[in-house]
Amino acid sequence: MFKPNNAFSGFSVNDISKTKEFYAGILGMKVKDGEMGTLNLIIASGSTVIVYPKPNHVPAEFTILNFPVSNIDEAVDELTEKGITFLKYDNETIKTDHKGVMRGNGPDIAWFTDPAGNILSVIETESF
């Protein structure tokens, strides 16, 4: 019987070693080598995200991971100092400021990419 009381997510990348360096070295996440050349990103809550190599990888056109933060400006500044470049948007639905933060249209959020081009974000929320 199917009882969905636990789940995990996964996404592809084109270079596992660059990915491991990025998530562990730059973002400071706990990363473990997985089966068949995969990586396991260990989220603070104990959840795992599987990252798998895919030779014909195409970056996701949507946000694959959101990192909740208590202060968006501090998070953006810290990540910028580590070499992260935030995406800038100026269209009908998304407009970001000079730092790459969308403000006043829901929670404050800033997007950036991993080495494989997948989109990630830091998002300000009071619950974290």
C-alpha atoms as a PDB file:
ATOM      1  CA  MET A   1       0.000   0.000   0.000  1.00  0.00           C
ATOM      2  CA  PHE A   2       1.209   3.482  -0.848  1.00  0.00           C
ATOM      3  CA  LYS A   3       1.604   5.679   2.251  1.00  0.00           C
ATOM      4  CA  PRO A   4       3.479   8.858   1.331  1.00  0.00           C
ATOM      5  CA  ASN A   5       4.885   9.836   4.732  1.00  0.00           C
ATOM      6  CA  ASN A   6       8.362  10.522   3.386  1.00  0.00           C
ATOM      7  CA  ALA A   7       9.821  11.573   0.049  1.00  0.00           C
ATOM      8  CA  PHE A   8      12.940  12.925  -1.570  1.00  0.00           C
ATOM      9  CA  SER A   9      13.723  14.905  -4.673  1.00  0.00           C
ATOM     10  CA  GLY A  10      16.468  14.819  -7.248  1.00  0.00           C
ATOM     11  CA  PHE A  11      17.884  16.731 -10.185  1.00  0.00           C
ATOM     12  CA  SER A  12      20.537  16.261 -12.845  1.00  0.00           C
ATOM     13  CA  VAL A  13      23.884  17.941 -13.455  1.00  0.00           C
ATOM     14  CA  ASN A  14      26.566  17.574 -16.089  1.00  0.00           C
ATOM     15  CA  ASP A  15      29.617  17.499 -13.768  1.00  0.00           C
ATOM     16  CA  ILE A  16      29.414  15.775 -10.377  1.00  0.00           C
ATOM     17  CA  SER A  17      32.823  16.991  -9.149  1.00  0.00           C
ATOM     18  CA  LYS A  18      32.042  20.680  -9.844  1.00  0.00           C
ATOM     19  CA  THR A  19      28.637  20.157  -8.257  1.00  0.00           C
ATOM     20  CA  LYS A  20      30.143  18.623  -5.124  1.00  0.00           C
ATOM     21  CA  GLU A  21      32.639  21.492  -4.832  1.00  0.00           C
ATOM     22  CA  PHE A  22      29.842  24.065  -5.237  1.00  0.00           C
ATOM     23  CA  TYR A  23      27.317  22.621  -2.788  1.00  0.00           C
ATOM     24  CA  ALA A  24      29.876  21.593  -0.150  1.00  0.00           C
ATOM     25  CA  GLY A  25      32.559  24.233  -0.620  1.00  0.00           C
ATOM     26  CA  ILE A  26      30.640  27.366  -1.542  1.00  0.00           C
ATOM     27  CA  LEU A  27      27.186  26.761  -0.065  1.00  0.00           C
ATOM     28  CA  GLY A  28      28.542  24.811   2.940  1.00  0.00           C
ATOM     29  CA  MET A  29      26.084  21.943   2.663  1.00  0.00           C
ATOM     30  CA  LYS A  30      26.752  18.423   3.890  1.00  0.00           C
ATOM     31  CA  VAL A  31      27.333  16.262   0.816  1.00  0.00           C
ATOM     32  CA  LYS A  32      27.794  12.491   0.672  1.00  0.00           C
ATOM     33  CA  ASP A  33      28.769  10.332  -2.263  1.00  0.00           C
ATOM     34  CA  GLY A  34      25.845   8.164  -3.286  1.00  0.00           C
ATOM     35  CA  GLU A  35      25.318   5.077  -5.349  1.00  0.00           C
ATOM     36  CA  MET A  36      26.138   4.895  -9.057  1.00  0.00           C
ATOM     37  CA  GLY A  37      28.031   8.211  -9.117  1.00  0.00           C
ATOM     38  CA  THR A  38      25.348  10.291  -7.463  1.00  0.00           C
ATOM     39  CA  LEU A  39      25.625  12.842  -4.667  1.00  0.00           C
ATOM     40  CA  ASN A  40      23.357  13.166  -1.673  1.00  0.00           C
ATOM     41  CA  LEU A  41      22.754  16.716  -0.473  1.00  0.00           C
ATOM     42  CA  ILE A  42      21.832  16.492   3.190  1.00  0.00           C
ATOM     43  CA  ILE A  43      19.398  19.208   4.208  1.00  0.00           C
ATOM     44  CA  ALA A  44      19.548  20.432   7.826  1.00  0.00           C
ATOM     45  CA  SER A  45      16.172  18.825   8.540  1.00  0.00           C
ATOM     46  CA  GLY A  46      17.663  15.447   7.629  1.00  0.00           C
ATOM     47  CA  SER A  47      16.066  15.256   4.209  1.00  0.00           C
ATOM     48  CA  THR A  48      18.155  14.202   1.241  1.00  0.00           C
ATOM     49  CA  VAL A  49      18.224  15.536  -2.294  1.00  0.00           C
ATOM     50  CA  ILE A  50      19.760  13.224  -4.892  1.00  0.00           C
ATOM     51  CA  VAL A  51      21.975  14.784  -7.548  1.00  0.00           C
ATOM     52  CA  TYR A  52      22.710  12.530 -10.495  1.00  0.00           C
ATOM     53  CA  PRO A  53      25.006  12.859 -13.494  1.00  0.00           C
ATOM     54  CA  LYS A  54      23.364  13.118 -16.885  1.00  0.00           C
ATOM     55  CA  PRO A  55      25.533  13.464 -19.995  1.00  0.00           C
ATOM     56  CA  ASN A  56      22.820  15.326 -21.935  1.00  0.00           C
ATOM     57  CA  HIS A  57      21.806  17.472 -18.933  1.00  0.00           C
ATOM     58  CA  VAL A  58      19.652  20.497 -19.665  1.00  0.00           C
ATOM     59  CA  PRO A  59      19.349  23.026 -16.802  1.00  0.00           C
ATOM     60  CA  ALA A  60      15.944  23.362 -15.204  1.00  0.00           C
ATOM     61  CA  GLU A  61      14.074  26.510 -16.239  1.00  0.00           C
ATOM     62  CA  PHE A  62      12.499  26.748 -12.787  1.00  0.00           C
ATOM     63  CA  THR A  63      13.777  26.925  -9.222  1.00  0.00           C
ATOM     64  CA  ILE A  64      14.867  23.462  -8.099  1.00  0.00           C
ATOM     65  CA  LEU A  65      15.935  24.352  -4.534  1.00  0.00           C
ATOM     66  CA  ASN A  66      14.868  27.214  -2.271  1.00  0.00           C
ATOM     67  CA  PHE A  67      16.981  28.053   0.761  1.00  0.00           C
ATOM     68  CA  PRO A  68      14.953  29.855   3.456  1.00  0.00           C
ATOM     69  CA  VAL A  69      16.860  32.652   5.208  1.00  0.00           C
ATOM     70  CA  SER A  70      15.931  35.095   7.946  1.00  0.00           C
ATOM     71  CA  ASN A  71      17.614  38.093   6.255  1.00  0.00           C
ATOM     72  CA  ILE A  72      17.773  38.204   2.456  1.00  0.00           C
ATOM     73  CA  ASP A  73      20.302  41.044   2.279  1.00  0.00           C
ATOM     74  CA  GLU A  74      22.772  39.316   4.602  1.00  0.00           C
ATOM     75  CA  ALA A  75      22.420  36.048   2.662  1.00  0.00           C
ATOM     76  CA  VAL A  76      22.875  37.741  -0.729  1.00  0.00           C
ATOM     77  CA  ASP A  77      25.901  39.690   0.516  1.00  0.00           C
ATOM     78  CA  GLU A  78      27.512  36.573   2.011  1.00  0.00           C
ATOM     79  CA  LEU A  79      26.957  34.504  -1.129  1.00  0.00           C
ATOM     80  CA  THR A  80      28.144  37.350  -3.368  1.00  0.00           C
ATOM     81  CA  GLU A  81      31.397  37.451  -1.369  1.00  0.00           C
ATOM     82  CA  LYS A  82      31.773  33.715  -2.119  1.00  0.00           C
ATOM     83  CA  GLY A  83      31.529  34.389  -5.849  1.00  0.00           C
ATOM     84  CA  ILE A  84      27.821  33.778  -6.451  1.00  0.00           C
ATOM     85  CA  THR A  85      26.267  35.986  -9.129  1.00  0.00           C
ATOM     86  CA  PHE A  86      22.565  36.615  -8.672  1.00  0.00           C
ATOM     87  CA  LEU A  87      20.217  36.604 -11.633  1.00  0.00           C
ATOM     88  CA  LYS A  88      18.662  39.904 -12.642  1.00  0.00           C
ATOM     89  CA  TYR A  89      15.113  40.032 -13.971  1.00  0.00           C
ATOM     90  CA  ASP A  90      13.150  42.932 -15.419  1.00  0.00           C
ATOM     91  CA  ASN A  91       9.941  41.632 -16.950  1.00  0.00           C
ATOM     92  CA  GLU A  92       6.199  41.885 -16.325  1.00  0.00           C
ATOM     93  CA  THR A  93       6.121  39.396 -13.442  1.00  0.00           C
ATOM     94  CA  ILE A  94       9.603  39.531 -11.931  1.00  0.00           C
ATOM     95  CA  LYS A  95      11.715  42.614 -11.289  1.00  0.00           C
ATOM     96  CA  THR A  96      14.860  42.438  -9.193  1.00  0.00           C
ATOM     97  CA  ASP A  97      16.915  45.251  -7.715  1.00  0.00           C
ATOM     98  CA  HIS A  98      20.644  45.920  -8.205  1.00  0.00           C
ATOM     99  CA  LYS A  99      21.479  43.032  -5.837  1.00  0.00           C
ATOM    100  CA  GLY A 100      19.206  40.596  -7.658  1.00  0.00           C
ATOM    101  CA  VAL A 101      16.454  40.607  -5.008  1.00  0.00           C
ATOM    102  CA  MET A 102      12.770  40.672  -5.920  1.00  0.00           C
ATOM    103  CA  ARG A 103      11.005  42.671  -3.210  1.00  0.00           C
ATOM    104  CA  GLY A 104       7.361  43.381  -2.465  1.00  0.00           C
ATOM    105  CA  ASN A 105       5.840  40.723  -4.717  1.00  0.00           C
ATOM    106  CA  GLY A 106       5.477  37.937  -2.170  1.00  0.00           C
ATOM    107  CA  PRO A 107       8.432  37.011   0.000  1.00  0.00           C
ATOM    108  CA  ASP A 108      11.751  38.669  -0.859  1.00  0.00           C
ATOM    109  CA  ILE A 109      13.705  36.238  -3.035  1.00  0.00           C
ATOM    110  CA  ALA A 110      16.946  36.142  -5.038  1.00  0.00           C
ATOM    111  CA  TRP A 111      17.891  33.558  -7.655  1.00  0.00           C
ATOM    112  CA  PHE A 112      21.268  32.138  -8.686  1.00  0.00           C
ATOM    113  CA  THR A 113      22.524  29.066 -10.517  1.00  0.00           C
ATOM    114  CA  ASP A 114      24.665  26.071  -9.697  1.00  0.00           C
ATOM    115  CA  PRO A 115      27.553  25.072 -12.010  1.00  0.00           C
ATOM    116  CA  ALA A 116      25.139  23.001 -14.134  1.00  0.00           C
ATOM    117  CA  GLY A 117      22.873  26.027 -14.678  1.00  0.00           C
ATOM    118  CA  ASN A 118      20.057  24.816 -12.398  1.00  0.00           C
ATOM    119  CA  ILE A 119      18.208  27.666 -10.678  1.00  0.00           C
ATOM    120  CA  LEU A 120      18.380  27.998  -6.872  1.00  0.00           C
ATOM    121  CA  SER A 121      17.112  30.722  -4.562  1.00  0.00           C
ATOM    122  CA  VAL A 122      17.432  32.286  -1.163  1.00  0.00           C
ATOM    123  CA  ILE A 123      14.030  33.314   0.125  1.00  0.00           C
ATOM    124  CA  GLU A 124      13.346  35.413   3.220  1.00  0.00           C
ATOM    125  CA  THR A 125      10.858  33.872   5.590  1.00  0.00           C
ATOM    126  CA  GLU A 126      10.125  34.558   9.237  1.00  0.00           C
ATOM    127  CA  SER A 127       9.815  30.888  10.101  1.00  0.00           C
ATOM    128  CA  PHE A 128      13.544  30.204   9.643  1.00  0.00           C
END
